[in-house]
Amino acid sequence: MKSGVFLLSAALLTSGCTLGPNYKRPAVAVPGSYRGTISDEAAQTQLGPLGDQKWWDIFHDEQLRTLIRTALTQNYDSRIAASHMFEAQAQLGIIRADQFPALGSGAGIADVRQAKSKFLPAFETSTGQVNLSAAWELDS
């Protein structure tokens, strides 16, 4: 019984690997040489080092480039990450602004009128004020 099950399972496994009588090998366009072979030295010097090229340009596939462009324009996670990066740059600018001197200025005018009272005569006064300030805190 065990040998019958073994023979049956072996026959099923080996029959799955057969190609059949109508198999035709597909035509494949293979380049004459590959990057990195000895006969391809002239092309290598013309293209430059592989590590210096953008990976999507190596494949010369316009559909891949289109997919990458679509992913970059419609990927909301990358937009969120970019906005976080811009926010961090703005916060750094605010923090670095504290390293520089702070300058301030102001001006004001006040008019005061006092009505005649039992003890004081009526009077009118105008005052003006201009101020400038500068501060710089050195970190120790």
Protein backbone atom coordinates (compact mmCIF):
# COMPACT_ATOMS: atom_id res chain seq x y z
CA MET A 1 0.00 0.00 0.00
CA LYS A 2 2.77 2.42 0.93
CA SER A 3 4.70 1.72 -2.24
CA GLY A 4 1.58 2.32 -4.35
CA VAL A 5 1.04 5.75 -2.73
CA PHE A 6 4.73 6.56 -3.20
CA LEU A 7 4.66 5.57 -6.90
CA LEU A 8 1.46 7.53 -7.49
CA SER A 9 2.80 10.69 -5.83
CA ALA A 10 6.11 10.38 -7.75
CA ALA A 11 4.22 10.04 -11.03
CA LEU A 12 2.10 13.11 -10.26
CA LEU A 13 5.13 15.20 -9.30
CA THR A 14 7.14 14.30 -12.39
CA SER A 15 4.19 14.79 -14.72
CA GLY A 16 3.90 18.40 -13.53
CA CYS A 17 7.36 19.15 -14.92
CA THR A 18 6.71 18.03 -18.50
CA LEU A 19 6.29 20.67 -21.20
CA GLY A 20 4.33 18.73 -23.77
CA PRO A 21 4.85 18.21 -27.49
CA ASN A 22 3.71 21.70 -28.63
CA TYR A 23 6.17 23.76 -26.58
CA LYS A 24 8.02 26.45 -28.51
CA ARG A 25 10.79 28.48 -26.94
CA PRO A 26 9.83 32.19 -26.80
CA ALA A 27 11.97 34.63 -28.73
CA VAL A 28 14.10 36.77 -26.40
CA ALA A 29 16.08 39.81 -27.48
CA VAL A 30 19.43 39.41 -25.74
CA PRO A 31 22.06 42.14 -26.06
CA GLY A 32 25.45 41.22 -27.45
CA SER A 33 27.14 42.06 -24.15
CA TYR A 34 26.16 43.00 -20.63
CA ARG A 35 27.40 45.85 -18.50
CA GLY A 36 30.37 44.69 -16.53
CA THR A 37 31.76 42.24 -19.04
CA ILE A 38 35.30 42.63 -20.35
CA SER A 39 34.15 43.29 -23.93
CA ASP A 40 31.99 46.16 -22.70
CA GLU A 41 34.82 48.37 -21.40
CA ALA A 42 34.27 51.11 -24.02
CA ALA A 43 30.58 51.39 -23.07
CA GLN A 44 31.46 51.49 -19.37
CA THR A 45 33.81 54.41 -19.77
CA GLN A 46 31.18 56.21 -21.82
CA LEU A 47 28.38 55.70 -19.27
CA GLY A 48 30.46 56.30 -16.16
CA PRO A 49 30.29 54.37 -12.90
CA LEU A 50 27.05 52.57 -12.19
CA GLY A 51 26.85 54.05 -8.70
CA ASP A 52 26.79 57.62 -10.03
CA GLN A 53 23.71 57.08 -12.21
CA LYS A 54 20.09 57.39 -11.14
CA TRP A 55 18.66 53.90 -10.77
CA TRP A 56 15.59 54.60 -12.92
CA ASP A 57 17.78 55.80 -15.80
CA ILE A 58 19.74 52.54 -15.86
CA PHE A 59 16.72 50.53 -17.04
CA HIS A 60 15.80 52.84 -19.97
CA ASP A 61 12.11 52.20 -19.36
CA GLU A 62 9.69 55.05 -19.98
CA GLN A 63 6.83 53.26 -18.20
CA LEU A 64 8.97 52.98 -15.06
CA ARG A 65 9.76 56.71 -15.23
CA THR A 66 6.06 57.49 -15.65
CA LEU A 67 5.19 55.38 -12.61
CA ILE A 68 7.86 57.12 -10.54
CA ARG A 69 6.57 60.56 -11.60
CA THR A 70 3.01 59.51 -10.72
CA ALA A 71 4.10 58.18 -7.34
CA LEU A 72 5.96 61.39 -6.51
CA THR A 73 3.07 63.66 -7.48
CA GLN A 74 0.28 61.61 -5.89
CA ASN A 75 2.02 60.21 -2.84
CA TYR A 76 0.53 62.07 0.10
CA ASP A 77 3.00 60.54 2.56
CA SER A 78 5.90 62.17 0.72
CA ARG A 79 3.99 65.48 0.67
CA ILE A 80 3.45 65.23 4.41
CA ALA A 81 7.12 64.41 4.92
CA ALA A 82 8.13 67.39 2.76
CA SER A 83 5.86 69.70 4.74
CA HIS A 84 7.40 68.41 7.99
CA MET A 85 10.83 69.12 6.54
CA PHE A 86 9.84 72.70 5.64
CA GLU A 87 8.33 73.15 9.10
CA ALA A 88 11.57 71.97 10.72
CA GLN A 89 13.58 74.38 8.56
CA ALA A 90 11.31 77.26 9.65
CA GLN A 91 11.69 76.30 13.31
CA LEU A 92 15.45 76.21 12.88
CA GLY A 93 15.34 79.71 11.39
CA ILE A 94 13.34 80.95 14.39
CA ILE A 95 15.75 79.37 16.84
CA ARG A 96 18.78 80.75 15.02
CA ALA A 97 17.23 84.23 15.05
CA ASP A 98 17.75 84.32 18.83
CA GLN A 99 21.51 84.33 18.25
CA PHE A 100 21.42 87.81 16.74
CA PRO A 101 20.90 91.17 18.47
CA ALA A 102 17.32 92.27 19.02
CA LEU A 103 16.42 95.81 17.99
CA GLY A 104 13.26 97.63 18.96
CA SER A 105 11.74 101.05 18.54
CA GLY A 106 8.55 102.88 19.34
CA ALA A 107 6.89 106.28 19.28
CA GLY A 108 3.80 107.78 20.85
CA ILE A 109 1.96 111.09 21.28
CA ALA A 110 -0.56 111.92 24.00
CA ASP A 111 -2.88 114.93 24.18
CA VAL A 112 -4.47 115.74 27.52
CA ARG A 113 -7.18 118.37 28.10
CA GLN A 114 -8.35 119.30 31.56
CA ALA A 115 -11.59 121.20 32.08
CA LYS A 116 -11.78 124.14 34.45
CA SER A 117 -12.51 123.06 37.95
CA LYS A 118 -13.23 124.89 41.18
CA PHE A 119 -9.60 124.82 42.25
CA LEU A 120 -7.68 124.53 38.91
CA PRO A 121 -7.85 126.45 35.68
CA ALA A 122 -8.42 124.69 32.33
CA PHE A 123 -5.27 123.49 30.60
CA GLU A 124 -4.11 121.44 27.61
CA THR A 125 -0.85 119.53 27.23
CA SER A 126 0.74 117.39 24.52
CA THR A 127 3.52 114.93 25.16
CA GLY A 128 5.56 112.89 22.72
CA GLN A 129 7.82 109.92 23.29
CA VAL A 130 10.34 108.09 21.08
CA ASN A 131 12.30 105.08 22.28
CA LEU A 132 14.95 102.81 20.83
CA SER A 133 16.27 99.61 22.37
CA ALA A 134 18.93 97.05 21.52
CA ALA A 135 19.64 93.79 23.35
CA TRP A 136 22.02 90.94 22.77
CA GLU A 137 22.48 87.99 25.07
CA LEU A 138 25.74 86.13 24.71
CA ASP A 139 25.63 82.44 25.48
CA SER A 140 28.39 81.29 27.76
